[in-house]
Amino acid sequence: MTTHKSPAAPPSVARDRASRRQTSAPQSAGRRAWAFTRELLIVVVGAVVVSSLLRAFVGQMFIIPSQSMENTLLVGDRVVVQKLTDFKRGDVVVFSDPGGWLDEERADNPAPWDKVLEFIGLPTRSTPGHLIKRVIGMPGDKVVCCTKKGRITVNGYPLDETSYLYTDPDEDQVNPSDIKFEVVVPEDRIFVMGDHRDLSADSRCHLSDLSTSQGRGQVAFIPISLVVGPAFAIAAPFDRAGRLHRPDTFENVPAPRNPAPEKAVIKPAGVSC
């Protein structure tokens, strides 16, 4: 049997083949690296977009900065706020500063990582501008402190606040309010209070505030348009994670007798913390 050998390739062709073999491996590795980087960028950008959309329309997380909601919420707790759910009396809500409630200012030079976290909806300790309190009065509600037994009434119904007001380690519970007041909540606004009444600069403490754009004390009532939403759960720390529930006492509050006034009714004049 006779075999035939293929003719040898010319020297120039052989050199070209060798050169291609030497460069093909690095080029393939480069293309694979670029493909991986491109896919990673798509995933990261997609995650940021989705997170930003969720933050804008569905929910957002906030860090509790003060003691005003103890022991319901503690300093450093991270709460999740719903933006698609209406709130009612008794709910804990997050809202933007209506003007003059906060003294804090945004840090002049926040860390780049803080900016990234805030952009995608994860708050940092430098994130300012919001407060969290419990809704006591809705538009038209008459909120009064207090009955002979020391209870706050809403539309004449005395609230039983023992399930959520702050209790110290010695089992002593704060009073519902040491400040006597009577208010009627104006239209499109709410009246809020913290659960640790002794450490909460809430609506009670702004009933005599002056404002260039509103009447005296009107800033004490939060515009509903400034409410981010109700806080429905503690997300962290994990040992405190759980749902937040509306106290049963608010289910018994009757509807207001009269339509909400355009401006709040505040008695006595000049009352404050």
Protein backbone atom coordinates (compact mmCIF):
# COMPACT_ATOMS: atom_id res chain seq x y z
CA MET A 1 0.00 0.00 0.00
CA THR A 2 1.42 3.30 -1.03
CA THR A 3 1.00 6.43 1.11
CA HIS A 4 1.48 9.99 0.02
CA LYS A 5 2.68 12.80 2.23
CA SER A 6 1.08 16.21 1.99
CA PRO A 7 3.37 18.74 0.55
CA ALA A 8 5.06 20.89 3.19
CA ALA A 9 3.67 24.35 3.62
CA PRO A 10 5.81 27.21 2.41
CA PRO A 11 7.90 28.79 5.20
CA SER A 12 5.89 32.05 5.17
CA VAL A 13 2.56 30.20 5.66
CA ALA A 14 4.01 28.17 8.51
CA ARG A 15 5.17 31.34 10.22
CA ASP A 16 1.70 32.91 9.93
CA ARG A 17 0.05 29.83 11.47
CA ALA A 18 2.47 29.84 14.39
CA SER A 19 1.87 33.54 14.99
CA ARG A 20 -1.93 33.05 15.04
CA ARG A 21 -1.61 30.19 17.54
CA GLN A 22 0.49 32.37 19.83
CA THR A 23 -1.95 35.32 19.82
CA SER A 24 -5.28 33.47 19.81
CA ALA A 25 -5.08 32.41 23.46
CA PRO A 26 -4.56 35.93 24.89
CA GLN A 27 -7.28 37.34 22.61
CA SER A 28 -9.77 34.68 23.71
CA ALA A 29 -8.99 35.34 27.38
CA GLY A 30 -9.49 39.06 26.83
CA ARG A 31 -12.83 38.53 25.16
CA ARG A 32 -13.98 36.28 27.99
CA ALA A 33 -12.91 38.85 30.58
CA TRP A 34 -14.76 41.62 28.77
CA ALA A 35 -17.89 39.47 28.40
CA PHE A 36 -17.83 38.73 32.14
CA THR A 37 -17.31 42.39 33.01
CA ARG A 38 -20.13 43.46 30.72
CA GLU A 39 -22.56 40.94 32.22
CA LEU A 40 -21.54 41.98 35.73
CA LEU A 41 -22.18 45.64 34.90
CA ILE A 42 -25.60 44.78 33.49
CA VAL A 43 -26.51 42.87 36.66
CA VAL A 44 -25.29 45.68 38.96
CA VAL A 45 -27.02 48.43 36.99
CA GLY A 46 -30.21 46.36 36.83
CA ALA A 47 -30.11 45.77 40.58
CA VAL A 48 -29.65 49.49 41.25
CA VAL A 49 -32.53 50.39 38.93
CA VAL A 50 -34.85 47.82 40.51
CA SER A 51 -33.84 48.90 44.03
CA SER A 52 -34.43 52.55 43.16
CA LEU A 53 -37.87 51.77 41.71
CA LEU A 54 -38.79 49.76 44.80
CA ARG A 55 -37.62 52.61 46.99
CA ALA A 56 -39.60 55.18 45.01
CA PHE A 57 -42.87 53.29 44.74
CA VAL A 58 -43.03 50.29 47.09
CA GLY A 59 -41.01 50.56 50.28
CA GLN A 60 -37.98 52.01 51.99
CA MET A 61 -35.86 51.31 55.04
CA PHE A 62 -35.12 53.84 57.76
CA ILE A 63 -32.83 53.86 60.81
CA ILE A 64 -34.31 54.94 64.16
CA PRO A 65 -32.14 57.86 65.34
CA SER A 66 -33.60 58.70 68.76
CA GLN A 67 -35.34 57.40 71.88
CA SER A 68 -38.72 59.00 71.13
CA MET A 69 -40.40 55.72 70.12
CA GLU A 70 -39.05 53.47 72.89
CA ASN A 71 -39.73 50.69 73.64
CA THR A 72 -41.62 50.04 70.42
CA LEU A 73 -38.55 51.09 68.44
CA LEU A 74 -35.01 51.41 69.76
CA VAL A 75 -32.12 53.53 68.57
CA GLY A 76 -30.44 51.79 65.63
CA ASP A 77 -33.46 49.69 64.65
CA ARG A 78 -34.06 49.50 60.92
CA VAL A 79 -37.72 49.68 59.99
CA VAL A 80 -39.37 48.97 56.65
CA VAL A 81 -41.94 51.50 55.49
CA GLN A 82 -44.68 50.71 52.97
CA LYS A 83 -45.48 53.34 50.37
CA LEU A 84 -48.49 51.68 48.75
CA THR A 85 -50.54 51.28 51.94
CA ASP A 86 -52.81 53.85 53.58
CA PHE A 87 -52.32 54.52 57.27
CA LYS A 88 -54.82 54.88 60.10
CA ARG A 89 -54.94 56.09 63.68
CA GLY A 90 -52.51 54.13 65.78
CA ASP A 91 -50.07 53.37 62.96
CA VAL A 92 -46.42 54.31 63.27
CA VAL A 93 -45.51 56.49 60.29
CA VAL A 94 -42.38 58.05 58.81
CA PHE A 95 -42.72 61.60 57.53
CA SER A 96 -40.57 64.43 56.24
CA ASP A 97 -39.80 67.34 58.53
CA PRO A 98 -42.76 69.76 58.19
CA GLY A 99 -40.49 72.64 59.13
CA GLY A 100 -38.43 73.27 62.23
CA TRP A 101 -38.89 69.89 63.87
CA LEU A 102 -35.33 68.78 63.17
CA ASP A 103 -32.13 70.62 64.00
CA GLU A 104 -29.89 68.23 62.12
CA GLU A 105 -28.25 69.07 58.81
CA ARG A 106 -26.81 66.87 56.09
CA ALA A 107 -23.10 66.18 56.47
CA ASP A 108 -20.99 68.46 54.30
CA ASN A 109 -18.84 65.61 53.02
CA PRO A 110 -20.66 62.27 53.27
CA ALA A 111 -18.55 59.26 52.37
CA PRO A 112 -18.89 58.00 48.77
CA TRP A 113 -20.14 54.65 50.05
CA ASP A 114 -22.87 56.46 52.04
CA LYS A 115 -24.01 58.16 48.84
CA VAL A 116 -24.25 54.81 47.06
CA LEU A 117 -26.22 53.22 49.91
CA GLU A 118 -28.63 56.15 50.11
CA PHE A 119 -29.13 56.14 46.32
CA ILE A 120 -30.26 52.52 46.30
CA GLY A 121 -32.50 53.05 49.31
CA LEU A 122 -30.33 51.84 52.20
CA PRO A 123 -30.06 54.58 54.84
CA THR A 124 -26.92 55.52 56.70
CA ARG A 125 -26.58 57.34 59.99
CA SER A 126 -26.00 60.56 58.02
CA THR A 127 -29.38 60.31 56.26
CA PRO A 128 -31.41 63.26 57.61
CA GLY A 129 -34.80 64.77 57.05
CA HIS A 130 -37.34 62.25 58.39
CA LEU A 131 -39.10 61.54 61.68
CA ILE A 132 -41.13 58.61 62.98
CA LYS A 133 -44.09 58.88 65.36
CA ARG A 134 -47.46 57.29 66.08
CA VAL A 135 -50.61 58.74 64.52
CA ILE A 136 -52.98 59.83 67.30
CA GLY A 137 -55.36 62.08 65.38
CA MET A 138 -56.59 62.08 61.78
CA PRO A 139 -58.23 65.05 60.00
CA GLY A 140 -61.22 66.32 61.97
CA ASP A 141 -60.33 64.40 65.13
CA LYS A 142 -60.59 66.16 68.48
CA VAL A 143 -57.61 65.12 70.64
CA VAL A 144 -57.65 66.10 74.32
CA CYS A 145 -55.37 65.58 77.28
CA CYS A 146 -56.52 64.32 79.59
CA THR A 147 -59.31 62.57 81.49
CA LYS A 148 -59.38 62.38 85.29
CA LYS A 149 -57.61 59.03 84.93
CA GLY A 150 -54.90 60.65 82.85
CA ARG A 151 -55.93 59.24 79.47
CA ILE A 152 -55.83 61.02 76.13
CA THR A 153 -59.18 61.05 74.34
CA VAL A 154 -59.84 61.03 70.61
CA ASN A 155 -63.34 62.13 69.65
CA GLY A 156 -64.35 61.53 73.24
CA TYR A 157 -62.96 57.98 73.45
CA PRO A 158 -60.23 57.44 76.10
CA LEU A 159 -57.27 55.57 74.67
CA ASP A 160 -55.73 52.66 76.56
CA GLU A 161 -52.07 53.20 75.69
CA THR A 162 -50.55 50.79 78.19
CA SER A 163 -49.56 48.31 75.46
CA TYR A 164 -47.06 50.64 73.82
CA LEU A 165 -46.09 53.57 76.07
CA TYR A 166 -42.52 53.46 77.36
CA THR A 167 -41.95 51.42 80.51
CA ASP A 168 -38.63 51.70 82.33
CA PRO A 169 -36.67 48.77 83.85
CA ASP A 170 -38.47 49.31 87.16
CA GLU A 171 -41.82 48.75 85.37
CA ASP A 172 -42.84 52.41 85.73
CA GLN A 173 -44.72 53.64 82.68
CA VAL A 174 -44.66 57.22 81.39
CA ASN A 175 -47.83 59.27 81.51
CA PRO A 176 -49.76 59.68 78.26
CA SER A 177 -48.98 63.40 78.52
CA ASP A 178 -48.01 65.87 81.22
CA ILE A 179 -49.02 68.69 78.87
CA LYS A 180 -52.70 69.62 78.91
CA PHE A 181 -54.10 70.47 75.49
CA GLU A 182 -57.17 70.32 73.31
CA VAL A 183 -56.86 70.33 69.52
CA VAL A 184 -58.94 69.67 66.43
CA VAL A 185 -56.82 68.31 63.59
CA PRO A 186 -57.19 70.35 60.38
CA GLU A 187 -57.96 68.95 56.93
CA ASP A 188 -55.26 66.93 55.17
CA ARG A 189 -53.11 66.75 58.32
CA ILE A 190 -52.41 64.44 61.25
CA PHE A 191 -51.47 64.77 64.92
CA VAL A 192 -48.59 62.54 66.04
CA MET A 193 -46.90 61.55 69.29
CA GLY A 194 -43.93 59.39 70.26
CA ASP A 195 -44.30 56.34 72.50
CA HIS A 196 -41.68 57.64 74.94
CA ARG A 197 -43.69 60.75 75.80
CA ASP A 198 -41.04 62.19 78.12
CA LEU A 199 -38.41 62.17 75.35
CA SER A 200 -40.56 62.91 72.32
CA ALA A 201 -40.68 66.40 70.81
CA ASP A 202 -43.86 65.57 68.92
CA SER A 203 -46.95 67.54 67.85
CA ARG A 204 -47.55 68.70 71.45
CA CYS A 205 -44.24 70.55 71.46
CA HIS A 206 -45.00 72.61 68.35
CA LEU A 207 -48.49 73.88 69.23
CA SER A 208 -47.18 77.41 69.74
CA ASP A 209 -44.48 77.44 67.02
CA LEU A 210 -44.38 80.49 64.79
CA SER A 211 -44.11 80.07 61.04
CA THR A 212 -43.67 82.49 58.16
CA SER A 213 -46.05 80.51 55.95
CA GLN A 214 -48.61 79.20 58.50
CA GLY A 215 -50.51 80.40 61.53
CA ARG A 216 -49.19 79.94 65.04
CA GLY A 217 -49.00 76.24 65.95
CA GLN A 218 -50.14 74.93 62.56
CA VAL A 219 -46.74 73.31 61.98
CA ALA A 220 -47.59 70.87 64.79
CA PHE A 221 -49.92 69.06 62.38
CA ILE A 222 -48.18 66.98 59.72
CA PRO A 223 -49.41 67.36 56.12
CA ILE A 224 -50.46 63.95 54.83
CA SER A 225 -48.49 64.73 51.68
CA LEU A 226 -45.29 64.56 53.77
CA VAL A 227 -46.00 61.07 55.10
CA VAL A 228 -43.75 58.47 53.47
CA GLY A 229 -45.89 55.61 54.76
CA PRO A 230 -46.60 53.33 57.72
CA ALA A 231 -43.77 51.34 59.27
CA PHE A 232 -44.86 47.71 59.20
CA ALA A 233 -41.79 45.77 60.36
CA ILE A 234 -38.43 45.89 62.11
CA ALA A 235 -35.89 44.41 59.71
CA ALA A 236 -32.77 44.63 61.88
CA PRO A 237 -31.15 43.83 64.22
CA PHE A 238 -32.27 40.27 63.66
CA ASP A 239 -33.01 39.58 67.30
CA ARG A 240 -35.65 42.33 67.16
CA ALA A 241 -37.03 41.59 63.71
CA GLY A 242 -40.82 41.35 63.51
CA ARG A 243 -44.08 42.98 62.45
CA LEU A 244 -45.45 46.20 63.92
CA HIS A 245 -49.15 46.10 64.76
CA ARG A 246 -51.78 48.79 65.25
CA PRO A 247 -52.95 48.77 68.92
CA ASP A 248 -56.50 47.52 69.40
CA THR A 249 -57.58 50.60 71.34
CA PHE A 250 -57.71 52.68 68.15
CA GLU A 251 -60.33 50.40 66.62
CA ASN A 252 -62.87 51.82 69.07
CA VAL A 253 -62.31 55.48 68.25
CA PRO A 254 -65.47 56.96 66.66
CA ALA A 255 -65.41 59.13 63.57
CA PRO A 256 -65.22 62.88 64.14
CA ARG A 257 -68.55 64.63 64.59
CA ASN A 258 -67.74 67.53 62.28
CA PRO A 259 -65.77 68.03 59.06
CA ALA A 260 -62.11 68.85 59.49
CA PRO A 261 -61.48 72.61 59.78
CA GLU A 262 -59.22 74.44 57.37
CA LYS A 263 -56.97 75.45 60.24
CA ALA A 264 -56.28 73.64 63.50
CA VAL A 265 -58.10 74.54 66.68
CA ILE A 266 -55.61 74.76 69.57
CA LYS A 267 -56.43 75.31 73.25
CA PRO A 268 -55.10 76.84 75.38
CA ALA A 269 -53.23 79.38 73.28
CA GLY A 270 -49.47 79.13 73.67
CA VAL A 271 -49.44 75.55 74.97
CA SER A 272 -46.19 73.69 74.31
CA CYS A 273 -43.62 71.38 75.89
